[in-house]
Amino acid sequence: MSLILFIIGFNILILVHELGHFLAARFFGMKATRFSIGFGPALIRIHGKETIYQFALIPFGGYVQLEGLTRTDHRPRDGHISDRSTHALREYPPWQRAIVMLAGPMANFLLAIVTYSFLFGSSTAVTYDWRHEGTQVIRDVSGAALAAGLKPYDSIESINGFPVRSFSELKKVVGKTAGQTLRVTIRRSPDGTPPPMQTKVDAETGLTLSFPRIPNEWPSHVIEMKAEKTPKGYVLGISPDVVRFGAQSWSDAIRLGCIETWAVVRGMMRIVGRWFEGTEAVQLASVVKMADTGADTLKMGLEWFISFMAILSINLGVINLFPLPALDGGRLLFVGIEAVSRKAVPPLVESVIHGIGMLLLMILMVVIVVKEIMEKF
């Protein structure tokens, strides 16, 4: 079921991206011959007045086939753009083609804004400024914590006498223990129910924070345990519940949605910058890895899955803006060259470059998929 939901969610992102291209092209009068969700043979095909709409066999990806996007016979021989009888892409001025290329990524950014606005408006956002805020309340247990008897919804009050008010404080205390025996003081729900939530409001930003409030009547327990040593340090084996972020009004929610989308874009660009600097290893993921991550977030809660889809939407927009062949950014690069030089790159040359780029991208994706599948076994 998780995989099906991920496939549906991922295809919504693709649909929005391609719909951006399609609507921008139709706005300028360009002809779109095919609108496909998925690749390969068509499973469902609907013939419109000018466009064939289809769902294809391979349910990852999609495309809009614009007249003159790859073919080389639609540019008027005299170089003028006055004859638009075929409504082909190459017959339109560079600025209009640039808008069509940009419309896909911009649609993904807009979808992220709408998604984050909904999360803030419903007070279920799990990130603010692309960061989680963990509490001292346990959501899941494993490893050492599970063996010691800790349970979901337990609230960690102190460790070896040091008070714990957040997950970041907990990690600092555990990191200093160097494998010593820990005396963990917790508050536990008598009937196993989660604690009630308390809300604080930041009047200046319109941001609301909802976090667990532990009732005084919950009994205290002391549990002795040792943290587990890992390559990243000592850990207890717990995942915390997180603060839920919201907004005082829907106008605040939309503003916070824009801020959060920009925070994620900015964070992704910093990561790409570190890739080029060589200070961080390049990490690429296929749909196999994304599906696994999507299933994990769905187990954590619907709000986590929706937030993950927003991040994927932004990711799709950012990657497509890279100036690489076959991507929107690569096509924008050729449009920019034409706008500056006043002379278009020969259509055949551009088509060959994009074709080679698409082939290399497909080979890279196959290599990543095979690697991830092998890692599973």
Protein backbone atom coordinates (compact mmCIF):
# COMPACT_ATOMS: atom_id res chain seq x y z
CA MET A 1 0.00 0.00 0.00
CA SER A 2 2.88 2.38 0.84
CA LEU A 3 4.45 1.73 -2.56
CA ILE A 4 1.16 2.43 -4.34
CA LEU A 5 0.75 5.73 -2.47
CA PHE A 6 4.31 6.71 -3.34
CA ILE A 7 3.76 5.93 -7.04
CA ILE A 8 0.59 8.02 -6.98
CA GLY A 9 2.34 10.87 -5.17
CA PHE A 10 5.39 10.79 -7.43
CA ASN A 11 3.25 10.83 -10.56
CA ILE A 12 1.34 13.83 -9.20
CA LEU A 13 4.69 15.65 -9.04
CA ILE A 14 5.43 14.67 -12.64
CA LEU A 15 1.92 15.63 -13.72
CA VAL A 16 2.29 19.09 -12.16
CA HIS A 17 5.71 19.57 -13.78
CA GLU A 18 4.54 18.59 -17.25
CA LEU A 19 1.29 20.51 -16.82
CA GLY A 20 3.38 23.64 -16.23
CA HIS A 21 5.11 23.14 -19.59
CA PHE A 22 1.84 22.26 -21.30
CA LEU A 23 -0.18 25.23 -20.04
CA ALA A 24 2.61 27.71 -20.80
CA ALA A 25 2.98 26.30 -24.32
CA ARG A 26 -0.76 26.43 -24.99
CA PHE A 27 -0.90 29.98 -23.61
CA PHE A 28 1.48 31.11 -26.37
CA GLY A 29 -0.34 29.03 -28.98
CA MET A 30 2.30 26.31 -29.32
CA LYS A 31 1.14 22.88 -30.39
CA ALA A 32 1.48 19.94 -27.98
CA THR A 33 1.04 16.63 -29.77
CA ARG A 34 1.27 14.33 -26.74
CA PHE A 35 0.91 14.59 -22.94
CA SER A 36 2.11 11.39 -21.26
CA ILE A 37 2.29 10.25 -17.66
CA GLY A 38 4.80 7.41 -17.65
CA PHE A 39 6.95 6.01 -20.44
CA GLY A 40 6.57 3.15 -22.86
CA PRO A 41 3.43 1.76 -24.48
CA ALA A 42 0.20 3.60 -23.67
CA LEU A 43 -2.24 1.83 -21.35
CA ILE A 44 -4.91 4.52 -21.62
CA ARG A 45 -5.06 6.93 -24.52
CA ILE A 46 -7.46 9.83 -25.04
CA HIS A 47 -7.44 11.78 -28.31
CA GLY A 48 -8.05 15.48 -27.86
CA LYS A 49 -8.44 18.10 -30.55
CA GLU A 50 -4.68 18.57 -30.97
CA THR A 51 -3.15 16.48 -28.18
CA ILE A 52 -3.07 12.80 -27.27
CA TYR A 53 -3.32 12.32 -23.50
CA GLN A 54 -2.04 9.00 -22.19
CA PHE A 55 -1.02 6.89 -19.20
CA ALA A 56 1.94 4.69 -20.14
CA LEU A 57 3.20 1.34 -18.91
CA ILE A 58 6.22 2.50 -16.85
CA PRO A 59 4.66 4.64 -14.08
CA PHE A 60 7.70 6.80 -13.28
CA GLY A 61 8.17 10.03 -15.19
CA GLY A 62 6.34 11.64 -18.06
CA TYR A 63 6.68 14.17 -20.84
CA VAL A 64 4.97 16.76 -23.01
CA GLN A 65 5.79 16.40 -26.70
CA LEU A 66 5.80 19.89 -28.19
CA GLU A 67 5.76 20.30 -31.94
CA GLY A 68 9.27 21.23 -33.06
CA LEU A 69 10.97 20.41 -29.75
CA THR A 70 13.27 17.82 -31.27
CA ARG A 71 12.48 17.86 -34.97
CA THR A 72 14.61 20.00 -37.26
CA ASP A 73 12.21 20.96 -40.04
CA HIS A 74 10.00 23.62 -38.45
CA ARG A 75 12.23 26.70 -38.45
CA PRO A 76 11.42 28.98 -41.40
CA ARG A 77 14.29 28.98 -43.91
CA ASP A 78 14.67 32.75 -43.91
CA GLY A 79 15.14 32.81 -40.13
CA HIS A 80 12.04 34.91 -39.47
CA ILE A 81 9.37 33.91 -36.96
CA SER A 82 6.34 35.45 -38.60
CA ASP A 83 5.05 32.22 -40.13
CA ARG A 84 3.50 30.18 -37.31
CA SER A 85 1.22 27.97 -39.32
CA THR A 86 2.58 24.82 -37.65
CA HIS A 87 2.66 26.35 -34.14
CA ALA A 88 6.03 24.63 -33.58
CA LEU A 89 8.20 25.58 -30.61
CA ARG A 90 11.10 26.84 -32.73
CA GLU A 91 8.89 29.38 -34.48
CA TYR A 92 8.48 31.41 -31.29
CA PRO A 93 10.86 34.03 -29.86
CA PRO A 94 13.46 32.96 -27.27
CA TRP A 95 11.71 34.65 -24.33
CA GLN A 96 8.52 32.69 -24.91
CA ARG A 97 10.41 29.40 -25.24
CA ALA A 98 12.31 30.24 -22.04
CA ILE A 99 9.05 30.73 -20.17
CA VAL A 100 7.79 27.36 -21.43
CA MET A 101 10.99 25.66 -20.23
CA LEU A 102 10.84 27.42 -16.85
CA ALA A 103 7.16 26.66 -16.34
CA GLY A 104 7.79 23.01 -15.35
CA PRO A 105 10.19 23.69 -12.46
CA MET A 106 8.14 26.72 -11.39
CA ALA A 107 5.03 24.51 -11.20
CA ASN A 108 6.92 22.16 -8.86
CA PHE A 109 7.94 25.07 -6.63
CA LEU A 110 4.34 26.31 -6.60
CA LEU A 111 3.12 22.84 -5.62
CA ALA A 112 5.59 22.84 -2.71
CA ILE A 113 4.31 26.24 -1.58
CA VAL A 114 0.72 24.98 -1.66
CA THR A 115 1.71 21.80 0.21
CA TYR A 116 3.64 23.61 2.94
CA SER A 117 0.86 26.20 3.24
CA PHE A 118 -1.61 23.38 3.86
CA LEU A 119 0.66 21.82 6.49
CA PHE A 120 1.16 25.12 8.31
CA GLY A 121 -2.54 25.97 7.98
CA SER A 122 -3.51 22.65 9.56
CA SER A 123 -0.75 22.90 12.23
CA THR A 124 0.80 19.63 11.06
CA ALA A 125 4.07 20.91 9.54
CA VAL A 126 7.02 18.90 10.87
CA THR A 127 9.75 21.28 9.66
CA TYR A 128 10.44 24.98 9.89
CA ASP A 129 13.45 26.40 8.02
CA TRP A 130 13.93 22.79 6.82
CA ARG A 131 14.69 21.58 10.36
CA HIS A 132 12.90 19.26 12.74
CA GLU A 133 12.59 20.12 16.42
CA GLY A 134 12.72 16.90 18.44
CA THR A 135 11.11 16.73 21.87
CA GLN A 136 11.96 14.54 24.87
CA VAL A 137 8.94 12.33 24.15
CA ILE A 138 9.74 9.00 22.47
CA ARG A 139 7.99 8.06 19.22
CA ASP A 140 9.78 4.78 18.38
CA VAL A 141 12.27 2.56 20.21
CA SER A 142 14.86 0.05 18.99
CA GLY A 143 18.19 -1.44 20.01
CA ALA A 144 19.37 -0.55 23.53
CA ALA A 145 16.21 1.41 24.38
CA LEU A 146 13.94 -1.48 23.39
CA ALA A 147 16.04 -3.96 25.39
CA ALA A 148 15.95 -1.69 28.46
CA GLY A 149 12.14 -1.47 28.38
CA LEU A 150 11.54 2.05 27.09
CA LYS A 151 8.22 2.49 25.28
CA PRO A 152 6.63 4.88 22.79
CA TYR A 153 5.18 8.01 24.48
CA ASP A 154 7.61 7.75 27.40
CA SER A 155 8.95 11.19 28.26
CA ILE A 156 12.61 11.38 29.28
CA GLU A 157 12.92 13.77 32.23
CA SER A 158 16.62 13.38 33.06
CA ILE A 159 19.72 11.26 32.46
CA ASN A 160 22.12 10.75 35.36
CA GLY A 161 20.52 13.74 37.02
CA PHE A 162 20.93 16.06 34.03
CA PRO A 163 17.53 17.50 33.00
CA VAL A 164 16.35 16.82 29.44
CA ARG A 165 13.97 19.28 27.80
CA SER A 166 14.55 18.47 24.12
CA PHE A 167 16.04 15.81 21.89
CA SER A 168 19.12 17.95 21.21
CA GLU A 169 19.81 18.15 24.96
CA LEU A 170 19.34 14.37 25.19
CA LYS A 171 21.95 13.76 22.48
CA LYS A 172 24.45 16.04 24.22
CA VAL A 173 24.04 14.25 27.53
CA VAL A 174 24.30 10.79 25.98
CA GLY A 175 27.35 11.85 23.96
CA LYS A 176 29.23 12.71 27.14
CA THR A 177 28.63 9.35 28.85
CA ALA A 178 31.24 7.37 26.85
CA GLY A 179 29.37 4.11 27.32
CA GLN A 180 28.75 4.45 31.08
CA THR A 181 25.62 3.06 32.70
CA LEU A 182 22.79 5.57 32.45
CA ARG A 183 20.03 6.20 34.94
CA VAL A 184 17.17 7.40 32.76
CA THR A 185 14.25 8.99 34.58
CA ILE A 186 11.05 8.89 32.56
CA ARG A 187 7.37 9.75 32.89
CA ARG A 188 5.06 7.07 31.50
CA SER A 189 1.43 7.19 30.48
CA PRO A 190 -0.65 4.91 32.76
CA ASP A 191 -2.74 3.65 29.83
CA GLY A 192 -0.22 3.96 26.96
CA THR A 193 -1.88 6.97 25.37
CA PRO A 194 0.14 9.87 23.96
CA PRO A 195 0.48 13.03 26.05
CA PRO A 196 -1.74 16.05 25.38
CA MET A 197 -0.38 18.87 23.23
CA GLN A 198 0.42 22.41 24.30
CA THR A 199 0.59 25.34 21.87
CA LYS A 200 2.72 28.48 21.89
CA VAL A 201 2.30 31.38 19.48
CA ASP A 202 4.97 33.70 18.07
CA ALA A 203 2.92 36.82 17.49
CA GLU A 204 5.67 38.44 15.41
CA THR A 205 5.93 35.69 12.79
CA GLY A 206 2.47 34.15 13.09
CA LEU A 207 4.12 30.76 13.74
CA THR A 208 2.56 28.38 16.25
CA LEU A 209 4.41 25.52 17.95
CA SER A 210 2.56 22.48 19.30
CA PHE A 211 4.51 20.12 21.55
CA PRO A 212 3.72 17.43 24.15
CA ARG A 213 2.80 18.50 27.67
CA ILE A 214 3.44 15.77 30.25
CA PRO A 215 0.73 15.56 32.95
CA ASN A 216 2.00 15.76 36.50
CA GLU A 217 0.03 12.64 37.42
CA TRP A 218 2.05 10.43 35.07
CA PRO A 219 4.21 8.20 37.32
CA SER A 220 8.02 8.37 37.23
CA HIS A 221 10.24 5.38 36.51
CA VAL A 222 14.01 4.96 36.57
CA ILE A 223 15.55 2.69 33.96
CA GLU A 224 19.22 1.72 33.86
CA MET A 225 20.79 1.12 30.46
CA LYS A 226 23.88 1.66 28.35
CA ALA A 227 24.00 3.60 25.11
CA GLU A 228 25.00 1.71 21.99
CA LYS A 229 28.25 2.75 20.30
CA THR A 230 27.95 3.49 16.58
CA PRO A 231 30.24 5.16 13.99
CA LYS A 232 28.31 8.37 14.68
CA GLY A 233 28.70 8.15 18.46
CA TYR A 234 26.65 6.75 21.34
CA VAL A 235 22.90 6.39 20.77
CA LEU A 236 19.99 5.14 22.86
CA GLY A 237 17.97 3.76 19.96
CA ILE A 238 15.04 6.14 20.20
CA SER A 239 13.27 8.39 17.70
CA PRO A 240 11.66 11.48 19.19
CA ASP A 241 8.27 12.96 18.62
CA VAL A 242 8.69 16.38 17.00
CA VAL A 243 7.20 19.81 17.42
CA ARG A 244 4.33 20.50 15.00
CA PHE A 245 4.43 23.93 13.38
CA GLY A 246 1.36 25.88 12.36
CA ALA A 247 0.11 29.37 11.56
CA GLN A 248 -2.32 31.77 13.18
CA SER A 249 -4.12 32.47 9.89
CA TRP A 250 -4.19 31.18 6.33
CA SER A 251 -2.39 34.30 5.14
CA ASP A 252 0.38 33.46 7.63
CA ALA A 253 0.28 29.85 6.40
CA ILE A 254 0.84 30.93 2.78
CA ARG A 255 3.68 33.23 3.81
CA LEU A 256 5.28 30.47 5.88
CA GLY A 257 4.78 28.05 2.97
CA CYS A 258 6.76 30.40 0.72
CA ILE A 259 9.47 30.80 3.36
CA GLU A 260 9.76 27.04 3.87
CA THR A 261 9.95 26.36 0.13
CA TRP A 262 12.74 28.90 -0.24
CA ALA A 263 14.54 27.41 2.78
CA VAL A 264 14.54 23.98 1.12
CA VAL A 265 15.70 25.42 -2.23
CA ARG A 266 18.48 27.32 -0.45
CA GLY A 267 19.48 24.20 1.48
CA MET A 268 19.62 22.09 -1.69
CA MET A 269 21.77 24.67 -3.46
CA ARG A 270 24.19 24.66 -0.51
CA ILE A 271 24.44 20.88 -0.82
CA VAL A 272 25.15 21.14 -4.56
CA GLY A 273 27.76 23.80 -3.81
CA ARG A 274 29.53 21.44 -1.42
CA TRP A 275 29.48 18.76 -4.14
CA PHE A 276 31.39 21.07 -6.48
CA GLU A 277 33.75 22.12 -3.69
CA GLY A 278 34.49 18.47 -2.97
CA THR A 279 33.63 18.86 0.73
CA GLU A 280 30.66 16.49 0.49
CA ALA A 281 30.22 13.29 -1.50
CA VAL A 282 27.70 13.37 -4.35
CA GLN A 283 24.63 11.35 -3.38
CA LEU A 284 22.10 10.31 -6.01
CA ALA A 285 18.97 8.23 -5.50
CA SER A 286 16.71 6.37 -7.90
CA VAL A 287 12.99 5.78 -7.61
CA VAL A 288 13.83 2.58 -5.68
CA LYS A 289 15.48 4.54 -2.87
CA MET A 290 12.83 7.26 -3.01
CA ALA A 291 10.08 4.64 -2.73
CA ASP A 292 11.77 3.14 0.35
CA THR A 293 12.07 6.57 1.95
CA GLY A 294 8.47 7.39 1.06
CA ALA A 295 7.29 4.16 2.72
CA ASP A 296 9.30 5.00 5.85
CA THR A 297 7.85 8.50 6.10
CA LEU A 298 4.33 7.12 5.64
CA LYS A 299 4.88 4.87 8.67
CA MET A 300 5.83 7.97 10.67
CA GLY A 301 2.57 9.72 9.76
CA LEU A 302 0.73 11.25 6.83
CA GLU A 303 2.20 14.70 7.58
CA TRP A 304 5.72 13.28 7.15
CA PHE A 305 4.80 11.72 3.80
CA ILE A 306 3.22 14.96 2.54
CA SER A 307 6.31 16.90 3.64
CA PHE A 308 8.52 14.38 1.83
CA MET A 309 6.48 14.87 -1.34
CA ALA A 310 7.00 18.63 -1.06
CA ILE A 311 10.76 18.11 -0.79
CA LEU A 312 10.68 15.80 -3.82
CA SER A 313 8.74 18.41 -5.77
CA ILE A 314 11.36 21.04 -4.98
CA ASN A 315 14.10 18.53 -5.81
CA LEU A 316 12.49 17.89 -9.19
CA GLY A 317 12.34 21.61 -9.87
CA VAL A 318 15.94 22.29 -8.83
CA ILE A 319 17.45 19.35 -10.74
CA ASN A 320 15.59 20.28 -13.92
CA LEU A 321 17.15 23.74 -13.78
CA PHE A 322 20.68 22.28 -13.98
CA PRO A 323 22.20 23.34 -17.35
CA LEU A 324 22.59 19.74 -18.53
CA PRO A 325 21.48 18.27 -21.87
CA ALA A 326 17.94 16.84 -21.93
CA LEU A 327 16.95 18.78 -18.80
CA ASP A 328 14.94 22.02 -18.82
CA GLY A 329 18.07 23.90 -17.76
CA GLY A 330 19.96 22.50 -20.75
CA ARG A 331 17.26 23.66 -23.13
CA LEU A 332 17.25 27.05 -21.42
CA LEU A 333 20.99 27.25 -22.03
CA PHE A 334 20.48 26.89 -25.79
CA VAL A 335 17.71 29.48 -25.71
CA GLY A 336 20.06 31.83 -23.84
CA ILE A 337 22.82 31.29 -26.42
CA GLU A 338 20.37 32.20 -29.17
CA ALA A 339 19.13 35.28 -27.31
CA VAL A 340 22.68 36.59 -26.76
CA SER A 341 24.23 35.68 -30.13
CA ARG A 342 21.10 36.43 -32.16
CA LYS A 343 21.71 33.12 -33.89
CA ALA A 344 20.19 29.76 -33.02
CA VAL A 345 22.29 26.67 -32.52
CA PRO A 346 21.63 24.38 -35.52
CA PRO A 347 18.58 22.29 -34.59
CA LEU A 348 20.27 19.03 -35.55
CA VAL A 349 23.25 19.79 -33.29
CA GLU A 350 20.96 20.64 -30.38
CA SER A 351 18.88 17.50 -30.90
CA VAL A 352 21.99 15.29 -30.95
CA ILE A 353 23.33 16.88 -27.75
CA HIS A 354 20.03 16.43 -25.93
CA GLY A 355 19.76 12.87 -27.23
CA ILE A 356 23.21 11.98 -25.92
CA GLY A 357 22.40 13.67 -22.62
CA MET A 358 19.18 11.67 -22.26
CA LEU A 359 21.05 8.43 -23.03
CA LEU A 360 23.68 9.19 -20.39
CA LEU A 361 21.01 10.07 -17.83
CA MET A 362 19.20 6.80 -18.51
CA ILE A 363 22.46 4.82 -18.15
CA LEU A 364 23.22 6.60 -14.87
CA MET A 365 19.73 5.86 -13.57
CA VAL A 366 20.04 2.16 -14.48
CA VAL A 367 23.40 1.96 -12.67
CA ILE A 368 21.93 3.58 -9.55
CA VAL A 369 18.87 1.30 -9.59
CA VAL A 370 21.01 -1.84 -9.93
CA LYS A 371 23.32 -0.64 -7.14
CA GLU A 372 20.39 0.02 -4.78
CA ILE A 373 18.75 -3.33 -5.56
CA MET A 374 22.04 -5.15 -4.93
CA GLU A 375 22.41 -3.35 -1.59
CA LYS A 376 19.01 -4.71 -0.57
CA PHE A 377 20.26 -8.26 -1.03
